[in-house]
């Protein structure tokens, strides 16, 4: 995995942890399950989450 993708995934994980008040492990599992359901990579899902958060704030 490229460094940029890891940073994006980390940022998305941080957003979930903050918004849902959950632990890092839970946020990671949530990201993984959402990616599987949407049939996209973690990086793609993370970008979508970050963009949606930017639109809402």
C-alpha atoms as a PDB file:
ATOM      1  CA  UNK A   1       0.000   0.000   0.000  1.00  0.00           C
ATOM      2  CA  UNK A   2       1.324   3.427  -0.863  1.00  0.00           C
ATOM      3  CA  UNK A   3       2.071   6.015   1.783  1.00  0.00           C
ATOM      4  CA  UNK A   4      -0.639   8.368   0.508  1.00  0.00           C
ATOM      5  CA  UNK A   5      -3.276   5.646   0.735  1.00  0.00           C
ATOM      6  CA  UNK A   6      -2.209   4.788   4.277  1.00  0.00           C
ATOM      7  CA  UNK A   7      -2.494   8.438   5.298  1.00  0.00           C
ATOM      8  CA  UNK A   8      -5.977   8.684   3.773  1.00  0.00           C
ATOM      9  CA  UNK A   9      -7.122   5.508   5.536  1.00  0.00           C
ATOM     10  CA  UNK A  10      -5.645   6.752   8.816  1.00  0.00           C
ATOM     11  CA  UNK A  11      -7.505  10.068   8.471  1.00  0.00           C
ATOM     12  CA  UNK A  12     -10.795   8.289   7.769  1.00  0.00           C
ATOM     13  CA  UNK A  13     -10.216   6.067  10.802  1.00  0.00           C
ATOM     14  CA  UNK A  14      -9.597   9.156  12.952  1.00  0.00           C
ATOM     15  CA  UNK A  15     -12.825  10.727  11.716  1.00  0.00           C
ATOM     16  CA  UNK A  16     -14.818   7.628  12.634  1.00  0.00           C
ATOM     17  CA  UNK A  17     -13.143   7.413  16.031  1.00  0.00           C
ATOM     18  CA  UNK A  18     -13.992  11.050  16.765  1.00  0.00           C
ATOM     19  CA  UNK A  19     -17.544  11.071  15.402  1.00  0.00           C
ATOM     20  CA  UNK A  20     -18.632   7.713  16.832  1.00  0.00           C
ATOM     21  CA  UNK A  21     -16.466   7.808  19.960  1.00  0.00           C
ATOM     22  CA  UNK A  22     -15.071   4.358  19.244  1.00  0.00           C
ATOM     23  CA  UNK A  23     -11.677   2.698  19.567  1.00  0.00           C
ATOM     24  CA  UNK A  24      -9.211   2.397  16.705  1.00  0.00           C
ATOM     25  CA  UNK A  25      -9.899  -1.318  16.268  1.00  0.00           C
ATOM     26  CA  UNK A  26     -13.635  -0.713  15.961  1.00  0.00           C
ATOM     27  CA  UNK A  27     -13.113   2.084  13.447  1.00  0.00           C
ATOM     28  CA  UNK A  28     -10.845  -0.140  11.381  1.00  0.00           C
ATOM     29  CA  UNK A  29     -13.395  -2.970  11.373  1.00  0.00           C
ATOM     30  CA  UNK A  30     -16.129  -0.512  10.422  1.00  0.00           C
ATOM     31  CA  UNK A  31     -14.088   0.787   7.491  1.00  0.00           C
ATOM     32  CA  UNK A  32     -13.298  -2.731   6.319  1.00  0.00           C
ATOM     33  CA  UNK A  33     -16.897  -3.911   6.477  1.00  0.00           C
ATOM     34  CA  UNK A  34     -18.158  -0.798   4.653  1.00  0.00           C
ATOM     35  CA  UNK A  35     -15.544  -1.304   1.932  1.00  0.00           C
ATOM     36  CA  UNK A  36     -16.610  -4.916   1.489  1.00  0.00           C
ATOM     37  CA  UNK A  37     -20.315  -3.996   1.326  1.00  0.00           C
ATOM     38  CA  UNK A  38     -19.665  -1.246  -1.237  1.00  0.00           C
ATOM     39  CA  UNK A  39     -17.142  -3.434  -3.118  1.00  0.00           C
ATOM     40  CA  UNK A  40     -14.437  -0.755  -3.111  1.00  0.00           C
ATOM     41  CA  UNK A  41     -10.947  -0.545  -1.695  1.00  0.00           C
ATOM     42  CA  UNK A  42     -10.247   0.923   1.730  1.00  0.00           C
ATOM     43  CA  UNK A  43      -8.550   3.889   0.080  1.00  0.00           C
ATOM     44  CA  UNK A  44     -11.561   4.664  -2.123  1.00  0.00           C
ATOM     45  CA  UNK A  45     -13.971   4.371   0.786  1.00  0.00           C
ATOM     46  CA  UNK A  46     -11.719   6.505   2.966  1.00  0.00           C
ATOM     47  CA  UNK A  47     -11.612   9.250   0.336  1.00  0.00           C
ATOM     48  CA  UNK A  48     -15.413   9.166   0.127  1.00  0.00           C
ATOM     49  CA  UNK A  49     -15.725   9.416   3.908  1.00  0.00           C
ATOM     50  CA  UNK A  50     -13.282  12.321   4.090  1.00  0.00           C
ATOM     51  CA  UNK A  51     -15.034  14.181   1.254  1.00  0.00           C
ATOM     52  CA  UNK A  52     -18.461  13.655   2.833  1.00  0.00           C
ATOM     53  CA  UNK A  53     -17.171  14.929   6.165  1.00  0.00           C
ATOM     54  CA  UNK A  54     -15.741  18.037   4.495  1.00  0.00           C
ATOM     55  CA  UNK A  55     -19.107  18.739   2.856  1.00  0.00           C
ATOM     56  CA  UNK A  56     -20.936  18.445   6.173  1.00  0.00           C
ATOM     57  CA  UNK A  57     -18.632  20.704   8.179  1.00  0.00           C
END
